[in-house]
Amino acid sequence: MPEFSHDAVGRPVLARDGVTIFRRVGGRTSDGGSFDGYEEFHPGDQGYDEMLPAARANRVEADEPEESAVDPDTLARLLRESGLDAADLEDL
């Protein structure tokens, strides 16, 4: 395996799990090849605590928006207007 040097080329990013930090890196191998990848940091790893504030500011966006809570008054009104009641929802 060739020796390589690398530099952090990206800001730390907090993963969806809210704990793992990713940081993009790149560099060159001793034989002249280049590479691009990510470093992964977990609590207890060297540098984790220092990167955590910046990573929290750069969170990975979720693929889907979070589900909103159902407003009980709106649900009751919709059920009344549609001729249903709460018991009808239990069948779903």
C-alpha atoms as a PDB file:
ATOM      1  CA  MET A   1       0.000   0.000   0.000  1.00  0.00           C
ATOM      2  CA  PRO A   2       1.553   3.309  -1.016  1.00  0.00           C
ATOM      3  CA  GLU A   3       2.124   6.116   1.450  1.00  0.00           C
ATOM      4  CA  PHE A   4      -0.197   9.067   1.075  1.00  0.00           C
ATOM      5  CA  SER A   5      -0.685  12.569   2.342  1.00  0.00           C
ATOM      6  CA  HIS A   6      -4.067  14.129   2.817  1.00  0.00           C
ATOM      7  CA  ASP A   7      -5.620  17.417   3.785  1.00  0.00           C
ATOM      8  CA  ALA A   8      -9.065  18.144   5.125  1.00  0.00           C
ATOM      9  CA  VAL A   9     -10.767  19.933   2.270  1.00  0.00           C
ATOM     10  CA  GLY A  10     -14.274  20.224   3.670  1.00  0.00           C
ATOM     11  CA  ARG A  11     -16.057  21.467   6.741  1.00  0.00           C
ATOM     12  CA  PRO A  12     -17.113  18.912   9.332  1.00  0.00           C
ATOM     13  CA  VAL A  13     -20.711  17.785   8.831  1.00  0.00           C
ATOM     14  CA  LEU A  14     -22.988  16.185  11.427  1.00  0.00           C
ATOM     15  CA  ALA A  15     -24.615  13.009  10.090  1.00  0.00           C
ATOM     16  CA  ARG A  16     -28.338  12.236  10.331  1.00  0.00           C
ATOM     17  CA  ASP A  17     -27.737  10.169  13.478  1.00  0.00           C
ATOM     18  CA  GLY A  18     -26.782  13.406  15.297  1.00  0.00           C
ATOM     19  CA  VAL A  19     -23.510  11.880  16.567  1.00  0.00           C
ATOM     20  CA  THR A  20     -21.218  10.902  13.682  1.00  0.00           C
ATOM     21  CA  ILE A  21     -19.120  13.637  12.051  1.00  0.00           C
ATOM     22  CA  PHE A  22     -17.933  13.404   8.437  1.00  0.00           C
ATOM     23  CA  ARG A  23     -15.159  15.530   6.938  1.00  0.00           C
ATOM     24  CA  ARG A  24     -14.192  15.445   3.272  1.00  0.00           C
ATOM     25  CA  VAL A  25     -10.501  14.812   2.582  1.00  0.00           C
ATOM     26  CA  GLY A  26      -8.310  14.539  -0.471  1.00  0.00           C
ATOM     27  CA  GLY A  27      -4.665  14.224  -1.328  1.00  0.00           C
ATOM     28  CA  ARG A  28      -1.980  12.368  -3.253  1.00  0.00           C
ATOM     29  CA  THR A  29      -0.414   8.966  -2.877  1.00  0.00           C
ATOM     30  CA  SER A  30       3.374   8.506  -2.968  1.00  0.00           C
ATOM     31  CA  ASP A  31       3.094   7.178  -6.528  1.00  0.00           C
ATOM     32  CA  GLY A  32       1.338  10.357  -7.720  1.00  0.00           C
ATOM     33  CA  GLY A  33      -2.272   9.212  -7.692  1.00  0.00           C
ATOM     34  CA  SER A  34      -4.915  11.419  -6.171  1.00  0.00           C
ATOM     35  CA  PHE A  35      -7.833  10.459  -3.966  1.00  0.00           C
ATOM     36  CA  ASP A  36     -10.993  11.977  -2.596  1.00  0.00           C
ATOM     37  CA  GLY A  37     -12.982  10.618   0.320  1.00  0.00           C
ATOM     38  CA  TYR A  38     -14.359  11.168   3.815  1.00  0.00           C
ATOM     39  CA  GLU A  39     -13.087  10.751   7.346  1.00  0.00           C
ATOM     40  CA  GLU A  40     -15.583   9.573   9.945  1.00  0.00           C
ATOM     41  CA  PHE A  41     -15.368  10.653  13.588  1.00  0.00           C
ATOM     42  CA  HIS A  42     -17.223   9.307  16.626  1.00  0.00           C
ATOM     43  CA  PRO A  43     -17.340  10.465  20.266  1.00  0.00           C
ATOM     44  CA  GLY A  44     -13.976   9.779  21.872  1.00  0.00           C
ATOM     45  CA  ASP A  45     -12.013  10.090  18.599  1.00  0.00           C
ATOM     46  CA  GLN A  46      -9.203  12.641  18.522  1.00  0.00           C
ATOM     47  CA  GLY A  47     -10.526  15.996  17.284  1.00  0.00           C
ATOM     48  CA  TYR A  48     -14.207  15.066  17.692  1.00  0.00           C
ATOM     49  CA  ASP A  49     -14.957  17.567  20.475  1.00  0.00           C
ATOM     50  CA  GLU A  50     -13.253  20.407  18.597  1.00  0.00           C
ATOM     51  CA  MET A  51     -15.216  19.724  15.383  1.00  0.00           C
ATOM     52  CA  LEU A  52     -18.612  19.191  17.025  1.00  0.00           C
ATOM     53  CA  PRO A  53     -19.757  22.871  17.148  1.00  0.00           C
ATOM     54  CA  ALA A  54     -18.916  23.402  13.459  1.00  0.00           C
ATOM     55  CA  ALA A  55     -20.497  20.073  12.526  1.00  0.00           C
ATOM     56  CA  ARG A  56     -23.735  20.996  14.301  1.00  0.00           C
ATOM     57  CA  ALA A  57     -23.899  24.120  12.155  1.00  0.00           C
ATOM     58  CA  ASN A  58     -23.517  21.902   9.041  1.00  0.00           C
ATOM     59  CA  ARG A  59     -26.063  19.147   9.581  1.00  0.00           C
ATOM     60  CA  VAL A  60     -26.899  16.666   6.837  1.00  0.00           C
ATOM     61  CA  GLU A  61     -30.422  17.385   5.642  1.00  0.00           C
ATOM     62  CA  ALA A  62     -32.960  14.608   5.988  1.00  0.00           C
ATOM     63  CA  ASP A  63     -34.240  13.042   2.767  1.00  0.00           C
ATOM     64  CA  GLU A  64     -37.839  13.544   3.829  1.00  0.00           C
ATOM     65  CA  PRO A  65     -39.330  16.336   5.923  1.00  0.00           C
ATOM     66  CA  GLU A  66     -40.346  15.428   9.428  1.00  0.00           C
ATOM     67  CA  GLU A  67     -43.971  14.464   9.849  1.00  0.00           C
ATOM     68  CA  SER A  68     -46.086  17.160  11.479  1.00  0.00           C
ATOM     69  CA  ALA A  69     -48.255  16.439  14.471  1.00  0.00           C
ATOM     70  CA  VAL A  70     -51.988  16.266  13.793  1.00  0.00           C
ATOM     71  CA  ASP A  71     -53.963  19.144  15.260  1.00  0.00           C
ATOM     72  CA  PRO A  72     -56.867  17.505  17.153  1.00  0.00           C
ATOM     73  CA  ASP A  73     -59.311  20.372  16.477  1.00  0.00           C
ATOM     74  CA  THR A  74     -58.626  20.291  12.753  1.00  0.00           C
ATOM     75  CA  LEU A  75     -58.978  16.507  12.677  1.00  0.00           C
ATOM     76  CA  ALA A  76     -62.304  16.670  14.531  1.00  0.00           C
ATOM     77  CA  ARG A  77     -63.618  19.303  12.113  1.00  0.00           C
ATOM     78  CA  LEU A  78     -62.546  17.285   9.063  1.00  0.00           C
ATOM     79  CA  LEU A  79     -64.156  14.137  10.451  1.00  0.00           C
ATOM     80  CA  ARG A  80     -67.433  15.974  11.165  1.00  0.00           C
ATOM     81  CA  GLU A  81     -67.525  17.534   7.700  1.00  0.00           C
ATOM     82  CA  SER A  82     -66.857  14.194   6.035  1.00  0.00           C
ATOM     83  CA  GLY A  83     -69.467  12.348   8.079  1.00  0.00           C
ATOM     84  CA  LEU A  84     -66.914  10.177   9.884  1.00  0.00           C
ATOM     85  CA  ASP A  85     -65.933   9.877  13.516  1.00  0.00           C
ATOM     86  CA  ALA A  86     -62.760   8.855  15.369  1.00  0.00           C
ATOM     87  CA  ALA A  87     -63.834   5.189  15.446  1.00  0.00           C
ATOM     88  CA  ASP A  88     -63.607   5.132  11.641  1.00  0.00           C
ATOM     89  CA  LEU A  89     -59.886   5.924  11.890  1.00  0.00           C
ATOM     90  CA  GLU A  90     -59.217   2.793  13.936  1.00  0.00           C
ATOM     91  CA  ASP A  91     -60.048   0.680  10.886  1.00  0.00           C
ATOM     92  CA  LEU A  92     -57.181   2.196   8.866  1.00  0.00           C
END
